[in-house]
Protein backbone atom coordinates (compact mmCIF):
# COMPACT_ATOMS: atom_id res chain seq x y z
CA MET A 1 -66.62 -21.53 11.58
CA LYS A 2 -64.98 -18.14 11.09
CA LEU A 3 -61.81 -19.84 9.79
CA LEU A 4 -63.86 -21.94 7.38
CA LEU A 5 -65.63 -18.80 6.13
CA LEU A 6 -62.31 -17.01 5.62
CA LEU A 7 -60.90 -19.95 3.69
CA SER A 8 -64.02 -20.08 1.51
CA VAL A 9 -63.75 -16.38 0.74
CA ALA A 10 -60.06 -16.78 -0.10
CA VAL A 11 -60.73 -19.64 -2.49
CA LEU A 12 -63.57 -17.75 -4.16
CA GLY A 13 -61.37 -14.68 -4.43
CA LEU A 14 -58.60 -16.67 -6.05
CA ALA A 15 -61.05 -18.14 -8.53
CA ALA A 16 -62.40 -14.69 -9.32
CA ALA A 17 -58.91 -13.32 -9.81
CA ALA A 18 -57.92 -16.21 -12.06
CA PRO A 19 -57.54 -15.37 -15.74
CA ALA A 20 -60.51 -15.76 -18.05
CA ASP A 21 -58.43 -18.36 -19.92
CA ASP A 22 -59.21 -20.92 -17.24
CA LEU A 23 -59.70 -24.65 -17.06
CA ARG A 24 -62.99 -24.41 -18.97
CA THR A 25 -60.95 -23.94 -22.15
CA LEU A 26 -58.93 -27.09 -21.57
CA ASP A 27 -60.71 -30.11 -22.98
CA HIS A 28 -57.85 -32.63 -23.14
CA SER A 29 -59.64 -35.07 -25.43
CA PRO A 30 -58.53 -36.91 -27.51
CA TYR A 31 -55.42 -37.12 -25.32
CA PRO A 32 -55.33 -39.29 -22.20
CA ARG A 33 -54.86 -37.59 -18.86
CA TYR A 34 -51.20 -38.55 -18.56
CA ILE A 35 -48.86 -37.87 -21.48
CA GLN A 36 -45.23 -37.05 -22.13
CA PHE A 37 -44.16 -33.78 -23.74
CA PRO A 38 -40.61 -32.67 -24.59
CA ASP A 39 -38.75 -29.84 -22.91
CA GLY A 40 -36.44 -27.43 -24.72
CA ASP A 41 -33.58 -29.93 -24.61
CA GLY A 42 -35.62 -32.71 -26.17
CA ASN A 43 -36.13 -34.65 -22.94
CA MET A 44 -39.58 -36.12 -22.37
CA GLN A 45 -41.40 -34.82 -19.30
CA ASP A 46 -44.41 -36.39 -17.62
CA VAL A 47 -47.51 -34.22 -17.91
CA ASP A 48 -50.84 -34.47 -16.12
CA LEU A 49 -53.37 -32.69 -18.33
CA GLU A 50 -55.74 -32.40 -15.36
CA ALA A 51 -53.18 -30.95 -12.96
CA GLU A 52 -54.17 -27.98 -10.83
CA PRO A 53 -52.59 -24.89 -12.41
CA ASP A 54 -50.48 -22.34 -10.56
CA TYR A 55 -53.11 -19.59 -10.27
CA GLU A 56 -50.73 -17.27 -8.43
CA LEU A 57 -48.37 -17.28 -11.40
CA LEU A 58 -51.27 -16.96 -13.84
CA ASN A 59 -52.62 -13.93 -11.99
CA GLU A 60 -49.17 -12.34 -12.12
CA ILE A 61 -48.84 -13.05 -15.84
CA THR A 62 -52.31 -11.65 -16.50
CA ARG A 63 -51.69 -8.47 -14.50
CA ASN A 64 -48.41 -7.85 -16.31
CA PRO A 65 -48.52 -9.59 -19.70
CA ALA A 66 -45.59 -7.51 -20.95
CA ASN A 67 -43.22 -9.16 -18.48
CA ASN A 68 -41.13 -10.85 -21.16
CA LEU A 69 -37.58 -10.47 -22.45
CA TYR A 70 -37.16 -9.11 -25.98
CA LEU A 71 -33.72 -9.66 -27.49
CA LEU A 72 -32.79 -7.87 -30.73
CA TYR A 73 -30.32 -9.20 -33.28
CA THR A 74 -29.32 -7.50 -36.53
CA ARG A 75 -26.36 -7.82 -38.88
CA ARG A 76 -24.68 -5.14 -36.74
CA ASN A 77 -25.03 -7.41 -33.69
CA PRO A 78 -25.66 -10.94 -34.99
CA ARG A 79 -24.46 -12.71 -31.81
CA ASN A 80 -24.78 -10.25 -28.94
CA PRO A 81 -28.38 -9.21 -28.36
CA GLN A 82 -29.67 -5.83 -27.33
CA THR A 83 -32.53 -5.85 -24.84
CA LEU A 84 -35.66 -3.96 -25.85
CA VAL A 85 -37.89 -2.92 -22.97
CA MET A 86 -41.63 -2.38 -23.08
CA ASN A 87 -42.55 1.30 -22.46
CA ASN A 88 -38.89 2.35 -22.52
CA ALA A 89 -38.50 4.26 -25.76
CA ASN A 90 -34.80 4.86 -25.18
CA SER A 91 -34.14 1.09 -25.22
CA ILE A 92 -35.57 1.09 -28.75
CA THR A 93 -34.12 4.31 -30.17
CA SER A 94 -30.62 3.62 -28.79
CA SER A 95 -30.57 0.09 -30.24
CA ASN A 96 -29.83 -1.17 -33.75
CA PHE A 97 -33.55 -1.52 -34.50
CA ASN A 98 -34.24 -0.16 -37.98
CA ARG A 99 -37.85 0.62 -38.88
CA ASN A 100 -37.02 0.22 -42.57
CA LEU A 101 -36.06 -3.43 -42.17
CA PRO A 102 -38.37 -6.43 -41.78
CA THR A 103 -39.03 -7.44 -38.17
CA MET A 104 -39.06 -11.15 -37.39
CA VAL A 105 -40.14 -12.39 -33.95
CA VAL A 106 -39.31 -15.93 -32.82
CA ALA A 107 -41.07 -17.59 -29.87
CA HIS A 108 -39.80 -20.81 -28.25
CA GLY A 109 -41.91 -23.51 -26.67
CA TRP A 110 -42.43 -25.12 -23.27
CA LEU A 111 -39.55 -25.50 -20.78
CA SER A 112 -37.35 -23.50 -23.13
CA ASN A 113 -35.55 -20.16 -23.16
CA GLN A 114 -33.47 -17.84 -25.33
CA LYS A 115 -30.74 -20.48 -25.65
CA SER A 116 -33.02 -23.15 -27.11
CA SER A 117 -31.71 -24.57 -30.38
CA LEU A 118 -34.36 -23.14 -32.69
CA ASN A 119 -33.60 -19.51 -31.78
CA PRO A 120 -30.05 -19.21 -33.18
CA VAL A 121 -30.87 -21.46 -36.13
CA ILE A 122 -33.83 -19.35 -37.29
CA ARG A 123 -32.02 -16.11 -36.40
CA ASP A 124 -28.98 -17.03 -38.47
CA ALA A 125 -31.16 -18.13 -41.37
CA TYR A 126 -32.86 -14.73 -41.50
CA LEU A 127 -29.68 -12.70 -41.09
CA GLY A 128 -27.96 -14.93 -43.64
CA ILE A 129 -30.23 -13.80 -46.46
CA ALA A 130 -30.74 -10.13 -45.57
CA ASP A 131 -30.48 -7.62 -42.78
CA ALA A 132 -33.48 -7.68 -40.49
CA ASN A 133 -34.65 -6.96 -36.97
CA VAL A 134 -34.75 -10.44 -35.44
CA ILE A 135 -36.36 -10.38 -32.01
CA ILE A 136 -36.22 -13.44 -29.78
CA ILE A 137 -38.92 -13.37 -27.13
CA GLU A 138 -37.97 -15.24 -24.00
CA TRP A 139 -41.05 -16.03 -21.93
CA ARG A 140 -39.33 -18.45 -19.56
CA ARG A 141 -41.16 -17.13 -16.46
CA LEU A 142 -44.24 -18.95 -17.71
CA ALA A 143 -42.59 -21.50 -19.98
CA MET A 144 -40.75 -23.09 -17.05
CA SER A 145 -43.98 -23.78 -15.16
CA ASP A 146 -46.00 -26.99 -15.43
CA TYR A 147 -47.63 -27.64 -18.79
CA VAL A 148 -51.23 -26.85 -17.78
CA THR A 149 -50.20 -23.53 -16.25
CA ALA A 150 -48.15 -22.68 -19.33
CA VAL A 151 -51.09 -23.44 -21.63
CA LEU A 152 -53.42 -21.23 -19.59
CA GLY A 153 -50.92 -18.36 -19.52
CA VAL A 154 -49.96 -18.41 -23.21
CA PRO A 155 -52.82 -16.11 -24.34
CA ALA A 156 -51.77 -13.41 -21.84
CA VAL A 157 -48.11 -13.66 -22.86
CA GLY A 158 -49.19 -13.45 -26.49
CA ARG A 159 -51.22 -10.33 -25.76
CA GLY A 160 -48.14 -8.90 -24.05
CA LEU A 161 -46.10 -9.53 -27.20
CA GLY A 162 -48.78 -7.80 -29.24
CA GLN A 163 -48.68 -4.80 -26.90
CA PHE A 164 -44.90 -4.69 -27.17
CA LEU A 165 -45.07 -4.70 -30.99
CA ASN A 166 -47.64 -1.91 -30.85
CA PHE A 167 -45.26 0.07 -28.63
CA LEU A 168 -42.49 -0.62 -31.14
CA HIS A 169 -44.76 0.65 -33.90
CA ARG A 170 -45.67 3.81 -32.00
CA THR A 171 -42.06 4.51 -31.05
CA THR A 172 -40.40 3.95 -34.42
CA GLY A 173 -43.16 3.91 -37.01
CA ALA A 174 -42.23 0.36 -38.01
CA PRO A 175 -45.23 -0.86 -40.03
CA PHE A 176 -47.16 -3.94 -38.98
CA ASP A 177 -47.04 -5.25 -42.54
CA SER A 178 -43.27 -5.65 -42.19
CA MET A 179 -43.66 -7.99 -39.18
CA HIS A 180 -43.49 -11.79 -39.30
CA LEU A 181 -44.18 -13.72 -36.07
CA VAL A 182 -42.90 -17.29 -35.86
CA GLY A 183 -43.61 -19.68 -32.99
CA PHE A 184 -42.79 -23.29 -32.25
CA SER A 185 -45.10 -25.66 -30.35
CA LEU A 186 -46.65 -23.63 -27.50
CA GLY A 187 -44.94 -20.62 -29.05
CA SER A 188 -47.20 -21.03 -32.10
CA HIS A 189 -50.27 -20.25 -30.03
CA LEU A 190 -48.38 -17.43 -28.33
CA VAL A 191 -47.63 -15.62 -31.61
CA GLY A 192 -51.18 -16.31 -32.77
CA ASN A 193 -52.51 -14.44 -29.75
CA ALA A 194 -50.01 -11.64 -30.37
CA GLY A 195 -51.32 -11.22 -33.90
CA ARG A 196 -54.88 -11.27 -32.57
CA GLU A 197 -54.01 -8.52 -30.10
CA LEU A 198 -53.00 -6.40 -33.09
CA GLY A 199 -56.22 -7.10 -34.94
CA GLY A 200 -54.58 -9.38 -37.50
CA ARG A 201 -52.58 -6.49 -38.96
CA VAL A 202 -49.14 -8.14 -38.98
CA SER A 203 -48.02 -9.50 -42.31
CA ARG A 204 -47.47 -13.12 -41.32
CA VAL A 205 -47.84 -15.57 -38.45
CA THR A 206 -46.20 -18.97 -38.81
CA GLY A 207 -46.99 -21.86 -36.48
CA LEU A 208 -44.30 -24.54 -36.39
CA ASP A 209 -46.04 -27.78 -35.36
CA PRO A 210 -48.43 -25.95 -33.01
CA ALA A 211 -48.75 -27.85 -29.72
CA GLY A 212 -51.63 -30.32 -29.65
CA PRO A 213 -52.34 -31.32 -26.02
CA LEU A 214 -55.01 -29.01 -24.52
CA TRP A 215 -55.28 -27.06 -27.77
CA VAL A 216 -57.39 -29.15 -30.13
CA TYR A 217 -60.66 -27.56 -28.94
CA ASN A 218 -59.12 -24.47 -27.34
CA SER A 219 -60.57 -21.21 -28.63
CA ASN A 220 -57.24 -19.48 -27.91
CA LYS A 221 -55.25 -21.56 -30.39
CA ILE A 222 -53.58 -20.00 -33.42
CA ASN A 223 -56.04 -19.35 -36.25
CA GLN A 224 -56.30 -17.80 -39.70
CA ASN A 225 -57.49 -14.43 -38.40
CA ASP A 226 -54.27 -13.73 -36.49
CA ALA A 227 -52.46 -12.08 -39.43
CA ARG A 228 -52.89 -11.17 -43.07
CA TYR A 229 -51.43 -14.61 -43.81
CA VAL A 230 -51.24 -17.47 -41.29
CA GLU A 231 -49.29 -20.61 -42.13
CA GLY A 232 -49.04 -23.89 -40.27
CA ILE A 233 -46.30 -26.48 -40.70
CA HIS A 234 -47.33 -29.83 -39.23
CA THR A 235 -44.72 -32.52 -38.63
CA ASP A 236 -45.99 -34.58 -35.66
CA GLY A 237 -49.74 -34.39 -35.99
CA GLY A 238 -50.58 -38.07 -35.89
CA TYR A 239 -52.93 -39.66 -33.36
CA LEU A 240 -51.90 -38.26 -29.96
CA GLY A 241 -49.01 -36.44 -31.64
CA LEU A 242 -47.21 -33.55 -29.99
CA GLY A 243 -48.61 -31.19 -32.62
CA ILE A 244 -52.08 -30.39 -33.90
CA GLY A 245 -52.76 -32.49 -36.96
CA ASP A 246 -55.53 -30.28 -38.34
CA ALA A 247 -55.28 -27.11 -40.39
CA ILE A 248 -55.08 -23.90 -38.37
CA GLY A 249 -54.22 -21.21 -40.90
CA ASN A 250 -54.83 -19.89 -44.36
CA ALA A 251 -52.34 -22.39 -45.71
CA ASP A 252 -51.20 -25.53 -43.91
CA PHE A 253 -48.33 -27.79 -44.94
CA PHE A 254 -48.00 -31.46 -44.06
CA PRO A 255 -44.44 -32.52 -44.86
CA ASN A 256 -44.27 -36.26 -45.57
CA GLY A 257 -47.91 -36.54 -44.52
CA GLY A 258 -47.48 -34.45 -41.36
CA LYS A 259 -47.15 -37.35 -38.92
CA SER A 260 -43.61 -38.74 -39.09
CA GLN A 261 -40.47 -37.46 -40.73
CA PRO A 262 -37.63 -39.18 -42.64
CA GLY A 263 -34.70 -39.95 -40.38
CA CYS A 264 -36.77 -39.57 -37.20
CA LEU A 265 -37.40 -42.42 -34.79
CA THR A 266 -39.15 -40.42 -32.06
CA GLY A 267 -41.98 -37.94 -31.74
CA ILE A 268 -39.51 -35.35 -30.43
CA CYS A 269 -37.55 -35.54 -33.66
CA ASP A 270 -40.75 -35.28 -35.71
CA HIS A 271 -41.90 -32.29 -33.64
CA ASN A 272 -38.59 -30.43 -33.92
CA ARG A 273 -38.37 -31.08 -37.64
CA ALA A 274 -40.93 -28.27 -38.14
CA TRP A 275 -38.49 -25.54 -37.15
CA GLU A 276 -35.61 -27.27 -38.91
CA LEU A 277 -37.58 -27.35 -42.16
CA PHE A 278 -38.70 -23.76 -41.73
CA ALA A 279 -35.15 -22.48 -41.19
CA ALA A 280 -34.05 -24.35 -44.30
CA THR A 281 -36.78 -22.69 -46.36
CA VAL A 282 -35.74 -19.23 -45.16
CA THR A 283 -32.28 -19.92 -46.57
CA HIS A 284 -33.18 -21.88 -49.70
CA ASN A 285 -36.91 -21.31 -50.37
CA HIS A 286 -36.94 -24.72 -52.02
CA LEU A 287 -39.71 -26.84 -50.47
CA ILE A 288 -42.87 -26.82 -52.56
CA GLY A 289 -46.15 -28.46 -51.68
CA ARG A 290 -49.08 -29.64 -53.79
CA GLN A 291 -52.57 -28.66 -52.76
CA CYS A 292 -54.73 -31.50 -51.45
CA ASP A 293 -58.49 -31.94 -51.52
CA ASN A 294 -58.74 -34.02 -48.36
CA ALA A 295 -56.88 -35.82 -45.57
CA TRP A 296 -56.80 -39.04 -47.56
CA GLN A 297 -54.73 -37.38 -50.29
CA ILE A 298 -52.35 -35.97 -47.69
CA THR A 299 -51.83 -39.40 -46.10
CA TRP A 300 -51.44 -41.31 -49.34
CA ASN A 301 -49.35 -38.68 -51.12
CA ASN A 302 -51.92 -38.24 -53.85
CA CYS A 303 -52.20 -34.45 -54.04
CA ASN A 304 -52.38 -32.92 -57.50
CA GLY A 305 -53.49 -29.33 -56.90
CA PRO A 306 -51.59 -26.06 -57.42
CA GLU A 307 -48.11 -25.65 -55.98
CA HIS A 308 -47.26 -23.42 -53.03
CA ARG A 309 -43.89 -22.80 -51.37
CA MET A 310 -43.63 -23.72 -47.71
CA GLY A 311 -42.10 -21.35 -45.17
CA ASN A 312 -39.60 -18.71 -46.41
CA SER A 313 -39.41 -15.04 -45.39
CA ASP A 314 -41.66 -13.45 -48.01
CA LEU A 315 -43.72 -10.76 -46.27
CA ARG A 316 -46.14 -10.57 -49.19
CA LYS A 317 -46.82 -14.28 -49.27
CA TRP A 318 -50.37 -15.48 -49.72
CA GLY A 319 -52.14 -18.76 -50.26
CA VAL A 320 -54.97 -20.97 -49.04
CA GLY A 321 -55.52 -24.68 -48.59
CA LYS A 322 -53.75 -27.81 -47.40
CA TYR A 323 -50.49 -28.94 -48.98
CA ARG A 324 -48.40 -32.10 -48.99
CA LEU A 325 -44.70 -32.22 -49.82
CA ASN A 326 -41.93 -34.77 -49.39
CA THR A 327 -38.51 -34.08 -47.95
CA ARG A 328 -35.22 -35.82 -47.42
CA ARG A 329 -33.89 -36.82 -44.02
CA ASN A 330 -30.97 -34.39 -43.83
CA TYR A 331 -30.49 -30.63 -44.20
CA PRO A 332 -31.52 -28.83 -46.33
CA PHE A 333 -34.12 -31.59 -46.66
């Protein structure tokens, strides 16, 4: 009886210590319980959307949300990163970080790390057009866990990123309106929460095909209040797609209808095309959408509203609405 009581207390204690972002936020409809979701190398992994999360890891992440790796690249060090450390001012002041340059933060997705393909591609696109502080956040401690655990921990990691950027601001005076946060898949919701932590003061948040499973009805997903301008780029948002098919920002783009992409035969390819298109727009600023009145116009390519450029690096960008554009199958699309 005593053992049973102790076990009950332990379970209740674990539940009490669990993050507020618990299973109650995870309505997996319209997805089935068992799905496949790609890792950072493009391999499909089996996912149980009702799996028991790793509460020990979630408690650790929640207690120390700043436990991420922040890697700085500039034109002075375009290939060899400098590590910036939360609450270590010397790591900032002794680095190549320049408060007078734009600061771009890139967040990878699930089962990924600093070496994932999107990071160098987006980094090189930014540094190819101008000098900037490009910071790659590696959150692999959580990203390498099971999908349900990763989803539950993303808000805390996002808050940690927001706290880091606030520390960067306090240490150097770098203004929030010179910051652009870009995330892919789960990383989209991560940067959304980072912007929310900062009260929506950063200039831009861009969600690259924000992850769909366990996010459709999740109050912690990226939204239009996370920055002065929030943009979504949706490339695999069809029925049970890997990305959210609905608008999440001030302006949302649906390349080729937002469900399947030219030259792609798999959902992985469609999903990844979001960051490929974005990187191309940073370099060329050439993809222009037409505003649509409804989903029917997006699907049937019948949008006739005002034009708006997708992606790019413009920190003063603004726009509202849903936009359709068509691309080619190969870079620069």
